[in-house]
Full PDB file with SEQRES, HELIX, SHEET, SSBOND, CRYST1, ORIGX, SCALE, CONECT and MASTER records, all heavy atoms in Angstrom:
SEQRES   1 A   37  ASP TYR SER ASN THR LYS LYS LEU ASP TYR ILE LEU LYS          
SEQRES   2 A   37  ASP GLU VAL ILE ILE ASP LYS GLN PHE ASN ASP LYS VAL          
SEQRES   3 A   37  LYS TYR ILE ILE GLU ILE ASP LYS GLU LYS ILE                  
HELIX    1 AA1 TYR A    2  ASN A    4  5                                   3    
HELIX    2 AA2 THR A    5  ILE A   11  1                                   7    
HELIX    3 AA3 LYS A   34  LYS A   36  5                                   3    
SHEET    1 AA1 2 VAL A  16  PHE A  22  0                                        
SHEET    2 AA1 2 VAL A  26  GLU A  31 -1                                        
CRYST1    1.000    1.000    1.000  90.00  90.00  90.00 P 1           1          
ORIGX1      1.000000  0.000000  0.000000        0.00000                         
ORIGX2      0.000000  1.000000  0.000000        0.00000                         
ORIGX3      0.000000  0.000000  1.000000        0.00000                         
SCALE1      1.000000  0.000000  0.000000        0.00000                         
SCALE2      0.000000  1.000000  0.000000        0.00000                         
SCALE3      0.000000  0.000000  1.000000        0.00000                         
ATOM      1  N   ASP A   1      -7.971   6.546  -1.002  1.00  0.00           N  
ATOM      2  CA  ASP A   1      -8.936   6.916   0.031  1.00  0.00           C  
ATOM      3  C   ASP A   1      -8.913   5.873   1.141  1.00  0.00           C  
ATOM      4  O   ASP A   1      -8.567   4.713   0.920  1.00  0.00           O  
ATOM      5  CB  ASP A   1     -10.354   6.972  -0.573  1.00  0.00           C  
ATOM      6  CG  ASP A   1     -10.498   8.090  -1.586  1.00  0.00           C  
ATOM      7  OD1 ASP A   1      -9.918   9.175  -1.372  1.00  0.00           O  
ATOM      8  OD2 ASP A   1     -11.181   7.864  -2.604  1.00  0.00           O  
ATOM      9  N   TYR A   2      -9.336   6.281   2.319  1.00  0.00           N  
ATOM     10  CA  TYR A   2      -9.376   5.377   3.465  1.00  0.00           C  
ATOM     11  C   TYR A   2     -10.217   4.134   3.184  1.00  0.00           C  
ATOM     12  O   TYR A   2      -9.921   3.052   3.666  1.00  0.00           O  
ATOM     13  CB  TYR A   2      -9.913   6.105   4.706  1.00  0.00           C  
ATOM     14  CG  TYR A   2      -8.876   6.975   5.361  1.00  0.00           C  
ATOM     15  CD1 TYR A   2      -8.606   8.255   4.900  1.00  0.00           C  
ATOM     16  CD2 TYR A   2      -8.141   6.516   6.457  1.00  0.00           C  
ATOM     17  CE1 TYR A   2      -7.649   9.050   5.500  1.00  0.00           C  
ATOM     18  CE2 TYR A   2      -7.174   7.292   7.065  1.00  0.00           C  
ATOM     19  CZ  TYR A   2      -6.938   8.564   6.586  1.00  0.00           C  
ATOM     20  OH  TYR A   2      -5.977   9.340   7.176  1.00  0.00           O  
ATOM     21  N   SER A   3     -11.251   4.284   2.363  1.00  0.00           N  
ATOM     22  CA  SER A   3     -12.153   3.165   2.073  1.00  0.00           C  
ATOM     23  C   SER A   3     -11.450   2.030   1.299  1.00  0.00           C  
ATOM     24  O   SER A   3     -11.931   0.906   1.285  1.00  0.00           O  
ATOM     25  CB  SER A   3     -13.363   3.655   1.280  1.00  0.00           C  
ATOM     26  OG  SER A   3     -12.949   4.252   0.064  1.00  0.00           O  
ATOM     27  N   ASN A   4     -10.318   2.325   0.668  1.00  0.00           N  
ATOM     28  CA  ASN A   4      -9.604   1.309  -0.115  1.00  0.00           C  
ATOM     29  C   ASN A   4      -8.455   0.637   0.641  1.00  0.00           C  
ATOM     30  O   ASN A   4      -7.791  -0.246   0.092  1.00  0.00           O  
ATOM     31  CB  ASN A   4      -9.025   1.952  -1.383  1.00  0.00           C  
ATOM     32  CG  ASN A   4     -10.086   2.407  -2.348  1.00  0.00           C  
ATOM     33  OD1 ASN A   4     -11.144   1.788  -2.449  1.00  0.00           O  
ATOM     34  ND2 ASN A   4      -9.817   3.486  -3.043  1.00  0.00           N  
ATOM     35  N   THR A   5      -8.207   1.028   1.890  1.00  0.00           N  
ATOM     36  CA  THR A   5      -7.010   0.535   2.578  1.00  0.00           C  
ATOM     37  C   THR A   5      -7.044  -0.969   2.838  1.00  0.00           C  
ATOM     38  O   THR A   5      -6.010  -1.623   2.713  1.00  0.00           O  
ATOM     39  CB  THR A   5      -6.743   1.297   3.896  1.00  0.00           C  
ATOM     40  OG1 THR A   5      -7.879   1.166   4.735  1.00  0.00           O  
ATOM     41  CG2 THR A   5      -6.398   2.745   3.638  1.00  0.00           C  
ATOM     42  N   LYS A   6      -8.211  -1.519   3.182  1.00  0.00           N  
ATOM     43  CA  LYS A   6      -8.269  -2.965   3.435  1.00  0.00           C  
ATOM     44  C   LYS A   6      -7.906  -3.749   2.189  1.00  0.00           C  
ATOM     45  O   LYS A   6      -7.136  -4.711   2.239  1.00  0.00           O  
ATOM     46  CB  LYS A   6      -9.658  -3.389   3.925  1.00  0.00           C  
ATOM     47  CG  LYS A   6      -9.837  -3.273   5.407  1.00  0.00           C  
ATOM     48  CD  LYS A   6     -11.121  -3.916   5.853  1.00  0.00           C  
ATOM     49  CE  LYS A   6     -11.220  -3.838   7.359  1.00  0.00           C  
ATOM     50  NZ  LYS A   6     -12.415  -4.428   7.887  1.00  0.00           N  
ATOM     51  N   LYS A   7      -8.474  -3.343   1.059  1.00  0.00           N  
ATOM     52  CA  LYS A   7      -8.196  -4.025  -0.201  1.00  0.00           C  
ATOM     53  C   LYS A   7      -6.712  -3.878  -0.570  1.00  0.00           C  
ATOM     54  O   LYS A   7      -6.064  -4.855  -0.956  1.00  0.00           O  
ATOM     55  CB  LYS A   7      -9.076  -3.447  -1.311  1.00  0.00           C  
ATOM     56  CG  LYS A   7      -8.915  -4.170  -2.626  1.00  0.00           C  
ATOM     57  CD  LYS A   7      -9.910  -3.666  -3.645  1.00  0.00           C  
ATOM     58  CE  LYS A   7      -9.848  -4.529  -4.880  1.00  0.00           C  
ATOM     59  NZ  LYS A   7     -10.847  -4.156  -5.858  1.00  0.00           N  
ATOM     60  N   LEU A   8      -6.170  -2.662  -0.424  1.00  0.00           N  
ATOM     61  CA  LEU A   8      -4.777  -2.425  -0.765  1.00  0.00           C  
ATOM     62  C   LEU A   8      -3.843  -3.175   0.191  1.00  0.00           C  
ATOM     63  O   LEU A   8      -2.846  -3.766  -0.232  1.00  0.00           O  
ATOM     64  CB  LEU A   8      -4.462  -0.927  -0.760  1.00  0.00           C  
ATOM     65  CG  LEU A   8      -3.089  -0.529  -1.284  1.00  0.00           C  
ATOM     66  CD1 LEU A   8      -2.823  -1.086  -2.683  1.00  0.00           C  
ATOM     67  CD2 LEU A   8      -2.942   0.984  -1.287  1.00  0.00           C  
ATOM     68  N   ASP A   9      -4.172  -3.202   1.470  1.00  0.00           N  
ATOM     69  CA  ASP A   9      -3.368  -3.969   2.434  1.00  0.00           C  
ATOM     70  C   ASP A   9      -3.334  -5.448   2.043  1.00  0.00           C  
ATOM     71  O   ASP A   9      -2.293  -6.100   2.162  1.00  0.00           O  
ATOM     72  CB  ASP A   9      -3.922  -3.830   3.862  1.00  0.00           C  
ATOM     73  CG  ASP A   9      -3.581  -2.497   4.494  1.00  0.00           C  
ATOM     74  OD1 ASP A   9      -2.622  -1.839   4.042  1.00  0.00           O  
ATOM     75  OD2 ASP A   9      -4.271  -2.122   5.454  1.00  0.00           O  
ATOM     76  N   TYR A  10      -4.450  -5.968   1.561  1.00  0.00           N  
ATOM     77  CA  TYR A  10      -4.498  -7.367   1.137  1.00  0.00           C  
ATOM     78  C   TYR A  10      -3.599  -7.589  -0.083  1.00  0.00           C  
ATOM     79  O   TYR A  10      -2.828  -8.552  -0.130  1.00  0.00           O  
ATOM     80  CB  TYR A  10      -5.933  -7.807   0.823  1.00  0.00           C  
ATOM     81  CG  TYR A  10      -5.996  -9.235   0.349  1.00  0.00           C  
ATOM     82  CD1 TYR A  10      -5.877 -10.285   1.257  1.00  0.00           C  
ATOM     83  CD2 TYR A  10      -6.131  -9.530  -1.002  1.00  0.00           C  
ATOM     84  CE1 TYR A  10      -5.897 -11.608   0.821  1.00  0.00           C  
ATOM     85  CE2 TYR A  10      -6.155 -10.850  -1.445  1.00  0.00           C  
ATOM     86  CZ  TYR A  10      -6.039 -11.883  -0.526  1.00  0.00           C  
ATOM     87  OH  TYR A  10      -6.044 -13.178  -0.954  1.00  0.00           O  
ATOM     88  N   ILE A  11      -3.679  -6.701  -1.065  1.00  0.00           N  
ATOM     89  CA  ILE A  11      -2.855  -6.812  -2.275  1.00  0.00           C  
ATOM     90  C   ILE A  11      -1.366  -6.725  -1.927  1.00  0.00           C  
ATOM     91  O   ILE A  11      -0.533  -7.415  -2.507  1.00  0.00           O  
ATOM     92  CB  ILE A  11      -3.242  -5.719  -3.306  1.00  0.00           C  
ATOM     93  CG1 ILE A  11      -4.651  -6.013  -3.859  1.00  0.00           C  
ATOM     94  CG2 ILE A  11      -2.217  -5.606  -4.425  1.00  0.00           C  
ATOM     95  CD1 ILE A  11      -5.236  -4.896  -4.699  1.00  0.00           C  
ATOM     96  N   LEU A  12      -1.044  -5.899  -0.929  1.00  0.00           N  
ATOM     97  CA  LEU A  12       0.360  -5.660  -0.567  1.00  0.00           C  
ATOM     98  C   LEU A  12       0.875  -6.570   0.552  1.00  0.00           C  
ATOM     99  O   LEU A  12       1.977  -6.370   1.051  1.00  0.00           O  
ATOM    100  CB  LEU A  12       0.542  -4.199  -0.138  1.00  0.00           C  
ATOM    101  CG  LEU A  12       0.221  -3.141  -1.188  1.00  0.00           C  
ATOM    102  CD1 LEU A  12       0.349  -1.749  -0.587  1.00  0.00           C  
ATOM    103  CD2 LEU A  12       1.108  -3.297  -2.413  1.00  0.00           C  
ATOM    104  N   LYS A  13       0.100  -7.572   0.919  1.00  0.00           N  
ATOM    105  CA  LYS A  13       0.462  -8.396   2.090  1.00  0.00           C  
ATOM    106  C   LYS A  13       1.838  -9.042   1.989  1.00  0.00           C  
ATOM    107  O   LYS A  13       2.489  -9.273   2.994  1.00  0.00           O  
ATOM    108  CB  LYS A  13      -0.613  -9.438   2.380  1.00  0.00           C  
ATOM    109  CG  LYS A  13      -0.705 -10.571   1.376  1.00  0.00           C  
ATOM    110  CD  LYS A  13      -1.832 -11.522   1.717  1.00  0.00           C  
ATOM    111  CE  LYS A  13      -1.934 -12.700   0.804  1.00  0.00           C  
ATOM    112  NZ  LYS A  13      -2.113 -12.463  -0.601  1.00  0.00           N  
ATOM    113  N   ASP A  14       2.315  -9.314   0.768  1.00  0.00           N  
ATOM    114  CA  ASP A  14       3.621  -9.937   0.595  1.00  0.00           C  
ATOM    115  C   ASP A  14       4.704  -8.956   0.149  1.00  0.00           C  
ATOM    116  O   ASP A  14       5.830  -9.359  -0.130  1.00  0.00           O  
ATOM    117  CB  ASP A  14       3.540 -11.073  -0.437  1.00  0.00           C  
ATOM    118  CG  ASP A  14       2.640 -12.204   0.043  1.00  0.00           C  
ATOM    119  OD1 ASP A  14       2.627 -12.461   1.258  1.00  0.00           O  
ATOM    120  OD2 ASP A  14       1.965 -12.820  -0.806  1.00  0.00           O  
ATOM    121  N   GLU A  15       4.370  -7.677   0.080  1.00  0.00           N  
ATOM    122  CA  GLU A  15       5.331  -6.665  -0.380  1.00  0.00           C  
ATOM    123  C   GLU A  15       5.939  -5.931   0.817  1.00  0.00           C  
ATOM    124  O   GLU A  15       5.409  -5.974   1.924  1.00  0.00           O  
ATOM    125  CB  GLU A  15       4.644  -5.657  -1.313  1.00  0.00           C  
ATOM    126  CG  GLU A  15       3.889  -6.279  -2.472  1.00  0.00           C  
ATOM    127  CD  GLU A  15       4.726  -7.235  -3.317  1.00  0.00           C  
ATOM    128  OE1 GLU A  15       5.926  -7.002  -3.493  1.00  0.00           O  
ATOM    129  OE2 GLU A  15       4.163  -8.241  -3.800  1.00  0.00           O  
ATOM    130  N   VAL A  16       7.045  -5.241   0.549  1.00  0.00           N  
ATOM    131  CA  VAL A  16       7.706  -4.442   1.589  1.00  0.00           C  
ATOM    132  C   VAL A  16       7.046  -3.064   1.613  1.00  0.00           C  
ATOM    133  O   VAL A  16       7.096  -2.325   0.632  1.00  0.00           O  
ATOM    134  CB  VAL A  16       9.218  -4.307   1.305  1.00  0.00           C  
ATOM    135  CG1 VAL A  16       9.864  -3.362   2.306  1.00  0.00           C  
ATOM    136  CG2 VAL A  16       9.877  -5.668   1.334  1.00  0.00           C  
ATOM    137  N   ILE A  17       6.421  -2.746   2.743  1.00  0.00           N  
ATOM    138  CA  ILE A  17       5.830  -1.410   2.925  1.00  0.00           C  
ATOM    139  C   ILE A  17       6.852  -0.591   3.709  1.00  0.00           C  
ATOM    140  O   ILE A  17       7.108  -0.855   4.881  1.00  0.00           O  
ATOM    141  CB  ILE A  17       4.478  -1.478   3.646  1.00  0.00           C  
ATOM    142  CG1 ILE A  17       3.485  -2.297   2.812  1.00  0.00           C  
ATOM    143  CG2 ILE A  17       3.948  -0.064   3.906  1.00  0.00           C  
ATOM    144  CD1 ILE A  17       2.148  -2.551   3.485  1.00  0.00           C  
ATOM    145  N   ILE A  18       7.453   0.382   3.037  1.00  0.00           N  
ATOM    146  CA  ILE A  18       8.492   1.208   3.654  1.00  0.00           C  
ATOM    147  C   ILE A  18       7.866   2.211   4.611  1.00  0.00           C  
ATOM    148  O   ILE A  18       8.378   2.454   5.700  1.00  0.00           O  
ATOM    149  CB  ILE A  18       9.307   1.949   2.570  1.00  0.00           C  
ATOM    150  CG1 ILE A  18      10.006   0.922   1.665  1.00  0.00           C  
ATOM    151  CG2 ILE A  18      10.317   2.900   3.195  1.00  0.00           C  
ATOM    152  CD1 ILE A  18      10.592   1.521   0.407  1.00  0.00           C  
ATOM    153  N   ASP A  19       6.733   2.790   4.190  1.00  0.00           N  
ATOM    154  CA  ASP A  19       6.075   3.806   5.020  1.00  0.00           C  
ATOM    155  C   ASP A  19       4.591   3.847   4.672  1.00  0.00           C  
ATOM    156  O   ASP A  19       4.193   3.545   3.550  1.00  0.00           O  
ATOM    157  CB  ASP A  19       6.719   5.182   4.757  1.00  0.00           C  
ATOM    158  CG  ASP A  19       6.306   6.237   5.776  1.00  0.00           C  
ATOM    159  OD1 ASP A  19       5.887   5.868   6.894  1.00  0.00           O  
ATOM    160  OD2 ASP A  19       6.418   7.434   5.460  1.00  0.00           O  
ATOM    161  N   LYS A  20       3.795   4.238   5.667  1.00  0.00           N  
ATOM    162  CA  LYS A  20       2.353   4.370   5.489  1.00  0.00           C  
ATOM    163  C   LYS A  20       1.944   5.619   6.270  1.00  0.00           C  
ATOM    164  O   LYS A  20       2.159   5.689   7.483  1.00  0.00           O  
ATOM    165  CB  LYS A  20       1.660   3.119   6.032  1.00  0.00           C  
ATOM    166  CG  LYS A  20       0.230   2.939   5.644  1.00  0.00           C  
ATOM    167  CD  LYS A  20      -0.198   1.542   6.096  1.00  0.00           C  
ATOM    168  CE  LYS A  20      -1.634   1.254   5.874  1.00  0.00           C  
ATOM    169  NZ  LYS A  20      -2.015  -0.073   6.373  1.00  0.00           N  
ATOM    170  N   GLN A  21       1.377   6.619   5.564  1.00  0.00           N  
ATOM    171  CA  GLN A  21       1.024   7.890   6.192  1.00  0.00           C  
ATOM    172  C   GLN A  21      -0.473   8.140   6.050  1.00  0.00           C  
ATOM    173  O   GLN A  21      -1.056   7.870   5.010  1.00  0.00           O  
ATOM    174  CB  GLN A  21       1.805   9.039   5.534  1.00  0.00           C  
ATOM    175  CG  GLN A  21       3.300   8.874   5.624  1.00  0.00           C  
ATOM    176  CD  GLN A  21       4.044   9.853   4.718  1.00  0.00           C  
ATOM    177  OE1 GLN A  21       3.447  10.725   4.092  1.00  0.00           O  
ATOM    178  NE2 GLN A  21       5.354   9.692   4.635  1.00  0.00           N  
ATOM    179  N   PHE A  22      -1.041   8.672   7.122  1.00  0.00           N  
ATOM    180  CA  PHE A  22      -2.483   8.935   7.149  1.00  0.00           C  
ATOM    181  C   PHE A  22      -2.712  10.445   7.218  1.00  0.00           C  
ATOM    182  O   PHE A  22      -2.456  11.064   8.244  1.00  0.00           O  
ATOM    183  CB  PHE A  22      -3.123   8.237   8.355  1.00  0.00           C  
ATOM    184  CG  PHE A  22      -2.961   6.743   8.335  1.00  0.00           C  
ATOM    185  CD1 PHE A  22      -1.867   6.139   8.939  1.00  0.00           C  
ATOM    186  CD2 PHE A  22      -3.882   5.935   7.698  1.00  0.00           C  
ATOM    187  CE1 PHE A  22      -1.711   4.770   8.922  1.00  0.00           C  
ATOM    188  CE2 PHE A  22      -3.732   4.557   7.667  1.00  0.00           C  
ATOM    189  CZ  PHE A  22      -2.646   3.973   8.284  1.00  0.00           C  
ATOM    190  N   ASN A  23      -3.203  11.016   6.100  1.00  0.00           N  
ATOM    191  CA  ASN A  23      -3.564  12.437   6.053  1.00  0.00           C  
ATOM    192  C   ASN A  23      -4.956  12.528   5.425  1.00  0.00           C  
ATOM    193  O   ASN A  23      -5.822  11.764   5.806  1.00  0.00           O  
ATOM    194  CB  ASN A  23      -2.508  13.228   5.272  1.00  0.00           C  
ATOM    195  CG  ASN A  23      -1.161  13.240   5.992  1.00  0.00           C  
ATOM    196  OD1 ASN A  23      -1.094  13.583   7.165  1.00  0.00           O  
ATOM    197  ND2 ASN A  23      -0.093  12.834   5.302  1.00  0.00           N  
ATOM    198  N   ASP A  24      -5.152  13.422   4.461  1.00  0.00           N  
ATOM    199  CA  ASP A  24      -6.436  13.461   3.755  1.00  0.00           C  
ATOM    200  C   ASP A  24      -6.682  12.126   3.050  1.00  0.00           C  
ATOM    201  O   ASP A  24      -7.812  11.677   2.945  1.00  0.00           O  
ATOM    202  CB  ASP A  24      -6.454  14.582   2.711  1.00  0.00           C  
ATOM    203  CG  ASP A  24      -6.372  15.967   3.343  1.00  0.00           C  
ATOM    204  OD1 ASP A  24      -6.614  16.076   4.568  1.00  0.00           O  
ATOM    205  OD2 ASP A  24      -6.053  16.921   2.614  1.00  0.00           O  
ATOM    206  N   LYS A  25      -5.604  11.552   2.563  1.00  0.00           N  
ATOM    207  CA  LYS A  25      -5.635  10.231   1.952  1.00  0.00           C  
ATOM    208  C   LYS A  25      -4.575   9.380   2.634  1.00  0.00           C  
ATOM    209  O   LYS A  25      -3.761   9.876   3.395  1.00  0.00           O  
ATOM    210  CB  LYS A  25      -5.337  10.328   0.452  1.00  0.00           C  
ATOM    211  CG  LYS A  25      -6.437  11.032  -0.324  1.00  0.00           C  
ATOM    212  CD  LYS A  25      -6.170  10.959  -1.815  1.00  0.00           C  
ATOM    213  CE  LYS A  25      -7.348  11.550  -2.543  1.00  0.00           C  
ATOM    214  NZ  LYS A  25      -7.865  10.680  -3.564  1.00  0.00           N  
ATOM    215  N   VAL A  26      -4.588   8.095   2.337  1.00  0.00           N  
ATOM    216  CA  VAL A  26      -3.556   7.200   2.870  1.00  0.00           C  
ATOM    217  C   VAL A  26      -2.465   7.079   1.808  1.00  0.00           C  
ATOM    218  O   VAL A  26      -2.751   6.835   0.638  1.00  0.00           O  
ATOM    219  CB  VAL A  26      -4.126   5.802   3.199  1.00  0.00           C  
ATOM    220  CG1 VAL A  26      -3.029   4.927   3.791  1.00  0.00           C  
ATOM    221  CG2 VAL A  26      -5.304   5.907   4.154  1.00  0.00           C  
ATOM    222  N   LYS A  27      -1.231   7.302   2.241  1.00  0.00           N  
ATOM    223  CA  LYS A  27      -0.092   7.257   1.323  1.00  0.00           C  
ATOM    224  C   LYS A  27       0.813   6.089   1.714  1.00  0.00           C  
ATOM    225  O   LYS A  27       1.250   5.990   2.853  1.00  0.00           O  
ATOM    226  CB  LYS A  27       0.691   8.565   1.396  1.00  0.00           C  
ATOM    227  CG  LYS A  27       1.891   8.636   0.499  1.00  0.00           C  
ATOM    228  CD  LYS A  27       2.555  10.005   0.629  1.00  0.00           C  
ATOM    229  CE  LYS A  27       3.824  10.092  -0.173  1.00  0.00           C  
ATOM    230  NZ  LYS A  27       4.450  11.422   0.007  1.00  0.00           N  
ATOM    231  N   TYR A  28       1.059   5.198   0.760  1.00  0.00           N  
ATOM    232  CA  TYR A  28       1.939   4.052   0.953  1.00  0.00           C  
ATOM    233  C   TYR A  28       3.211   4.299   0.138  1.00  0.00           C  
ATOM    234  O   TYR A  28       3.135   4.760  -1.002  1.00  0.00           O  
ATOM    235  CB  TYR A  28       1.320   2.774   0.401  1.00  0.00           C  
ATOM    236  CG  TYR A  28       0.115   2.245   1.116  1.00  0.00           C  
ATOM    237  CD1 TYR A  28      -1.137   2.835   0.980  1.00  0.00           C  
ATOM    238  CD2 TYR A  28       0.202   1.091   1.890  1.00  0.00           C  
ATOM    239  CE1 TYR A  28      -2.257   2.317   1.605  1.00  0.00           C  
ATOM    240  CE2 TYR A  28      -0.919   0.562   2.515  1.00  0.00           C  
ATOM    241  CZ  TYR A  28      -2.134   1.183   2.370  1.00  0.00           C  
ATOM    242  OH  TYR A  28      -3.245   0.661   2.988  1.00  0.00           O  
ATOM    243  N   ILE A  29       4.348   3.935   0.704  1.00  0.00           N  
ATOM    244  CA  ILE A  29       5.594   3.870  -0.054  1.00  0.00           C  
ATOM    245  C   ILE A  29       6.040   2.418   0.042  1.00  0.00           C  
ATOM    246  O   ILE A  29       6.219   1.891   1.144  1.00  0.00           O  
ATOM    247  CB  ILE A  29       6.662   4.833   0.499  1.00  0.00           C  
ATOM    248  CG1 ILE A  29       6.129   6.273   0.467  1.00  0.00           C  
ATOM    249  CG2 ILE A  29       7.965   4.702  -0.295  1.00  0.00           C  
ATOM    250  CD1 ILE A  29       7.025   7.279   1.145  1.00  0.00           C  
ATOM    251  N   ILE A  30       6.152   1.779  -1.120  1.00  0.00           N  
ATOM    252  CA  ILE A  30       6.402   0.326  -1.133  1.00  0.00           C  
ATOM    253  C   ILE A  30       7.521  -0.038  -2.099  1.00  0.00           C  
ATOM    254  O   ILE A  30       7.907   0.759  -2.958  1.00  0.00           O  
ATOM    255  CB  ILE A  30       5.131  -0.460  -1.523  1.00  0.00           C  
ATOM    256  CG1 ILE A  30       4.740  -0.165  -2.977  1.00  0.00           C  
ATOM    257  CG2 ILE A  30       3.983  -0.148  -0.593  1.00  0.00           C  
ATOM    258  CD1 ILE A  30       3.811  -1.191  -3.584  1.00  0.00           C  
ATOM    259  N   GLU A  31       7.993  -1.285  -1.951  1.00  0.00           N  
ATOM    260  CA  GLU A  31       8.858  -1.914  -2.941  1.00  0.00           C  
ATOM    261  C   GLU A  31       8.065  -3.070  -3.523  1.00  0.00           C  
ATOM    262  O   GLU A  31       7.471  -3.851  -2.782  1.00  0.00           O  
ATOM    263  CB  GLU A  31      10.136  -2.459  -2.289  1.00  0.00           C  
ATOM    264  CG  GLU A  31      11.041  -1.384  -1.760  1.00  0.00           C  
ATOM    265  CD  GLU A  31      12.278  -1.933  -1.064  1.00  0.00           C  
ATOM    266  OE1 GLU A  31      12.355  -3.172  -0.838  1.00  0.00           O  
ATOM    267  OE2 GLU A  31      13.152  -1.131  -0.737  1.00  0.00           O  
ATOM    268  N   ILE A  32       8.052  -3.168  -4.861  1.00  0.00           N  
ATOM    269  CA  ILE A  32       7.271  -4.221  -5.508  1.00  0.00           C  
ATOM    270  C   ILE A  32       8.026  -4.777  -6.715  1.00  0.00           C  
ATOM    271  O   ILE A  32       8.707  -4.035  -7.431  1.00  0.00           O  
ATOM    272  CB  ILE A  32       5.862  -3.703  -5.913  1.00  0.00           C  
ATOM    273  CG1 ILE A  32       4.949  -4.847  -6.348  1.00  0.00           C  
ATOM    274  CG2 ILE A  32       5.954  -2.603  -6.952  1.00  0.00           C  
ATOM    275  CD1 ILE A  32       3.476  -4.459  -6.443  1.00  0.00           C  
ATOM    276  N   ASP A  33       7.915  -6.068  -6.915  1.00  0.00           N  
ATOM    277  CA  ASP A  33       8.496  -6.778  -8.050  1.00  0.00           C  
ATOM    278  C   ASP A  33       7.893  -6.201  -9.340  1.00  0.00           C  
ATOM    279  O   ASP A  33       6.690  -5.935  -9.413  1.00  0.00           O  
ATOM    280  CB  ASP A  33       8.125  -8.267  -7.899  1.00  0.00           C  
ATOM    281  CG  ASP A  33       8.793  -9.162  -8.916  1.00  0.00           C  
ATOM    282  OD1 ASP A  33       8.853  -8.806 -10.106  1.00  0.00           O  
ATOM    283  OD2 ASP A  33       9.261 -10.237  -8.500  1.00  0.00           O  
ATOM    284  N   LYS A  34       8.729  -6.005 -10.366  1.00  0.00           N  
ATOM    285  CA  LYS A  34       8.248  -5.471 -11.649  1.00  0.00           C  
ATOM    286  C   LYS A  34       7.087  -6.293 -12.199  1.00  0.00           C  
ATOM    287  O   LYS A  34       6.164  -5.756 -12.800  1.00  0.00           O  
ATOM    288  CB  LYS A  34       9.375  -5.450 -12.685  1.00  0.00           C  
ATOM    289  CG  LYS A  34      10.204  -4.218 -12.674  1.00  0.00           C  
ATOM    290  CD  LYS A  34      11.157  -4.206 -13.862  1.00  0.00           C  
ATOM    291  CE  LYS A  34      11.932  -2.905 -13.867  1.00  0.00           C  
ATOM    292  NZ  LYS A  34      12.815  -2.800 -15.024  1.00  0.00           N  
ATOM    293  N   GLU A  35       7.146  -7.602 -11.987  1.00  0.00           N  
ATOM    294  CA  GLU A  35       6.107  -8.478 -12.527  1.00  0.00           C  
ATOM    295  C   GLU A  35       4.775  -8.321 -11.803  1.00  0.00           C  
ATOM    296  O   GLU A  35       3.754  -8.775 -12.295  1.00  0.00           O  
ATOM    297  CB  GLU A  35       6.578  -9.931 -12.472  1.00  0.00           C  
ATOM    298  CG  GLU A  35       7.736 -10.207 -13.410  1.00  0.00           C  
ATOM    299  CD  GLU A  35       8.203 -11.647 -13.375  1.00  0.00           C  
ATOM    300  OE1 GLU A  35       7.542 -12.488 -12.745  1.00  0.00           O  
ATOM    301  OE2 GLU A  35       9.230 -11.928 -14.010  1.00  0.00           O  
ATOM    302  N   LYS A  36       4.786  -7.692 -10.630  1.00  0.00           N  
ATOM    303  CA  LYS A  36       3.544  -7.551  -9.859  1.00  0.00           C  
ATOM    304  C   LYS A  36       2.954  -6.143  -9.910  1.00  0.00           C  
ATOM    305  O   LYS A  36       1.949  -5.872  -9.273  1.00  0.00           O  
ATOM    306  CB  LYS A  36       3.812  -7.931  -8.397  1.00  0.00           C  
ATOM    307  CG  LYS A  36       4.180  -9.382  -8.209  1.00  0.00           C  
ATOM    308  CD  LYS A  36       4.372  -9.689  -6.745  1.00  0.00           C  
ATOM    309  CE  LYS A  36       4.766 -11.125  -6.543  1.00  0.00           C  
ATOM    310  NZ  LYS A  36       5.026 -11.415  -5.126  1.00  0.00           N  
ATOM    311  N   ILE A  37       3.561  -5.255 -10.688  1.00  0.00           N  
ATOM    312  CA  ILE A  37       3.093  -3.860 -10.737  1.00  0.00           C  
ATOM    313  C   ILE A  37       1.648  -3.778 -11.247  1.00  0.00           C  
ATOM    314  O   ILE A  37       0.882  -2.905 -10.832  1.00  0.00           O  
ATOM    315  CB  ILE A  37       4.043  -2.962 -11.562  1.00  0.00           C  
ATOM    316  CG1 ILE A  37       3.754  -1.480 -11.321  1.00  0.00           C  
ATOM    317  CG2 ILE A  37       3.997  -3.286 -13.024  1.00  0.00           C  
ATOM    318  CD1 ILE A  37       4.190  -0.973  -9.977  1.00  0.00           C  
TER     319      ILE A  37                                                      
MASTER        0    0    0    3    2    0    0    6  318    1    0    3          
END                                                                             
């Protein structure tokens, strides 16, 4: 949900965000280290 984007952006600050789409919900496509899942 849009209300969680600030928190998620903070968690993902060091990750590669391939794409971010804004529709009914916010959709992130990312690359993340297995140890950080």
